[in-house]
Amino acid sequence: MSLESCTQAIRTKVGADSGLNATLKFDMGADGVIVIDGKSTPNTVTNDAVETDCTVGISLDNLQAMLDGDLEPATGFMAGKLKVSGDMSVAMRLQRVI
């Protein structure tokens, strides 16, 4: 598992139009960031650390588990495995994407 493989997996799930209509960043600290730009057409997924509408603090391991379907976003949030800052409604819409 790597930042690259997670970025590619998210890029595949997001596609051209995720319906997110916002920007969201997964912040894995020292492991880097993955930014979904759901406002651009087509949507883009990059590793550029930019300001976003919503930031999800998560470990690379937990992000991988979420992408694999082993960790439900809501469960991860309740268990403290991910922290959301910024626009919470963006994080809620993310569940449909991931």
Protein backbone atom coordinates (compact mmCIF):
# COMPACT_ATOMS: atom_id res chain seq x y z
CA MET A 1 0.00 0.00 0.00
CA SER A 2 1.27 3.41 -0.89
CA LEU A 3 0.13 6.96 -1.39
CA GLU A 4 0.24 6.29 -5.15
CA SER A 5 -1.99 3.20 -4.98
CA CYS A 6 -4.55 4.97 -2.75
CA THR A 7 -4.50 8.03 -5.04
CA GLN A 8 -5.14 5.82 -8.07
CA ALA A 9 -7.96 3.94 -6.31
CA ILE A 10 -9.65 7.22 -5.35
CA ARG A 11 -9.17 8.59 -8.86
CA THR A 12 -10.97 5.51 -10.23
CA LYS A 13 -13.85 5.82 -7.75
CA VAL A 14 -14.26 9.58 -8.29
CA GLY A 15 -14.32 9.37 -12.09
CA ALA A 16 -15.22 12.44 -14.16
CA ASP A 17 -18.11 13.53 -11.94
CA SER A 18 -18.30 12.34 -8.34
CA GLY A 19 -21.28 14.50 -7.46
CA LEU A 20 -19.22 15.87 -4.57
CA ASN A 21 -19.43 19.48 -5.85
CA ALA A 22 -16.73 20.45 -3.37
CA THR A 23 -13.05 19.98 -2.60
CA LEU A 24 -11.89 17.44 -0.05
CA LYS A 25 -8.47 16.53 1.29
CA PHE A 26 -7.33 13.31 2.93
CA ASP A 27 -4.46 14.34 5.17
CA MET A 28 -2.21 11.44 6.14
CA GLY A 29 0.39 13.62 7.85
CA ALA A 30 3.92 12.55 6.94
CA ASP A 31 2.54 10.10 4.35
CA GLY A 32 1.14 12.97 2.27
CA VAL A 33 -2.23 14.21 1.06
CA ILE A 34 -4.83 13.23 -1.52
CA VAL A 35 -7.06 16.05 -2.76
CA ILE A 36 -10.35 15.46 -4.59
CA ASP A 37 -11.50 18.48 -6.60
CA GLY A 38 -15.18 17.77 -7.15
CA LYS A 39 -15.76 21.30 -8.46
CA SER A 40 -13.60 20.95 -11.56
CA THR A 41 -14.89 19.35 -14.77
CA PRO A 42 -13.83 16.65 -15.02
CA ASN A 43 -13.11 16.04 -11.32
CA THR A 44 -9.44 15.72 -10.46
CA VAL A 45 -7.50 13.85 -7.79
CA THR A 46 -4.00 15.09 -6.92
CA ASN A 47 -1.39 15.00 -4.17
CA ASP A 48 -1.12 18.80 -3.97
CA ALA A 49 -1.47 20.22 -0.45
CA VAL A 50 -4.04 22.96 -1.08
CA GLU A 51 -6.87 24.51 0.93
CA THR A 52 -10.11 22.50 0.64
CA ASP A 53 -13.72 22.76 1.79
CA CYS A 54 -13.26 19.73 4.01
CA THR A 55 -10.24 17.89 5.42
CA VAL A 56 -10.25 14.30 6.62
CA GLY A 57 -7.34 13.40 8.87
CA ILE A 58 -6.70 9.68 8.49
CA SER A 59 -3.79 7.23 8.49
CA LEU A 60 -2.73 5.66 5.20
CA ASP A 61 -3.62 2.22 6.67
CA ASN A 62 -7.15 3.31 7.57
CA LEU A 63 -7.65 5.00 4.19
CA GLN A 64 -6.63 1.75 2.49
CA ALA A 65 -9.09 -0.17 4.69
CA MET A 66 -11.83 2.29 3.72
CA LEU A 67 -11.05 1.92 0.01
CA ASP A 68 -11.04 -1.88 0.37
CA GLY A 69 -14.46 -1.75 2.03
CA ASP A 70 -13.09 -3.02 5.35
CA LEU A 71 -13.77 0.24 7.18
CA GLU A 72 -17.07 2.13 6.91
CA PRO A 73 -16.48 5.91 6.95
CA ALA A 74 -19.14 6.47 9.65
CA THR A 75 -17.71 3.68 11.81
CA GLY A 76 -14.19 5.05 11.38
CA PHE A 77 -15.39 8.50 12.40
CA MET A 78 -17.15 7.17 15.53
CA ALA A 79 -14.09 5.10 16.46
CA GLY A 80 -11.82 8.14 16.11
CA LYS A 81 -9.91 6.61 13.18
CA LEU A 82 -10.61 9.69 11.08
CA LYS A 83 -11.13 13.31 11.99
CA VAL A 84 -13.15 15.72 9.90
CA SER A 85 -12.58 19.47 9.83
CA GLY A 86 -14.31 22.04 7.69
CA ASP A 87 -17.60 21.38 5.93
CA MET A 88 -19.10 18.23 7.47
CA SER A 89 -21.72 17.91 4.68
CA VAL A 90 -18.88 17.31 2.19
CA ALA A 91 -17.65 14.39 4.30
CA MET A 92 -21.21 12.97 4.35
CA ARG A 93 -21.40 13.11 0.53
CA LEU A 94 -18.03 11.37 0.34
CA GLN A 95 -19.63 8.14 1.57
CA ARG A 96 -21.44 7.81 -1.76
CA VAL A 97 -18.15 8.17 -3.64
CA ILE A 98 -15.86 5.86 -1.67
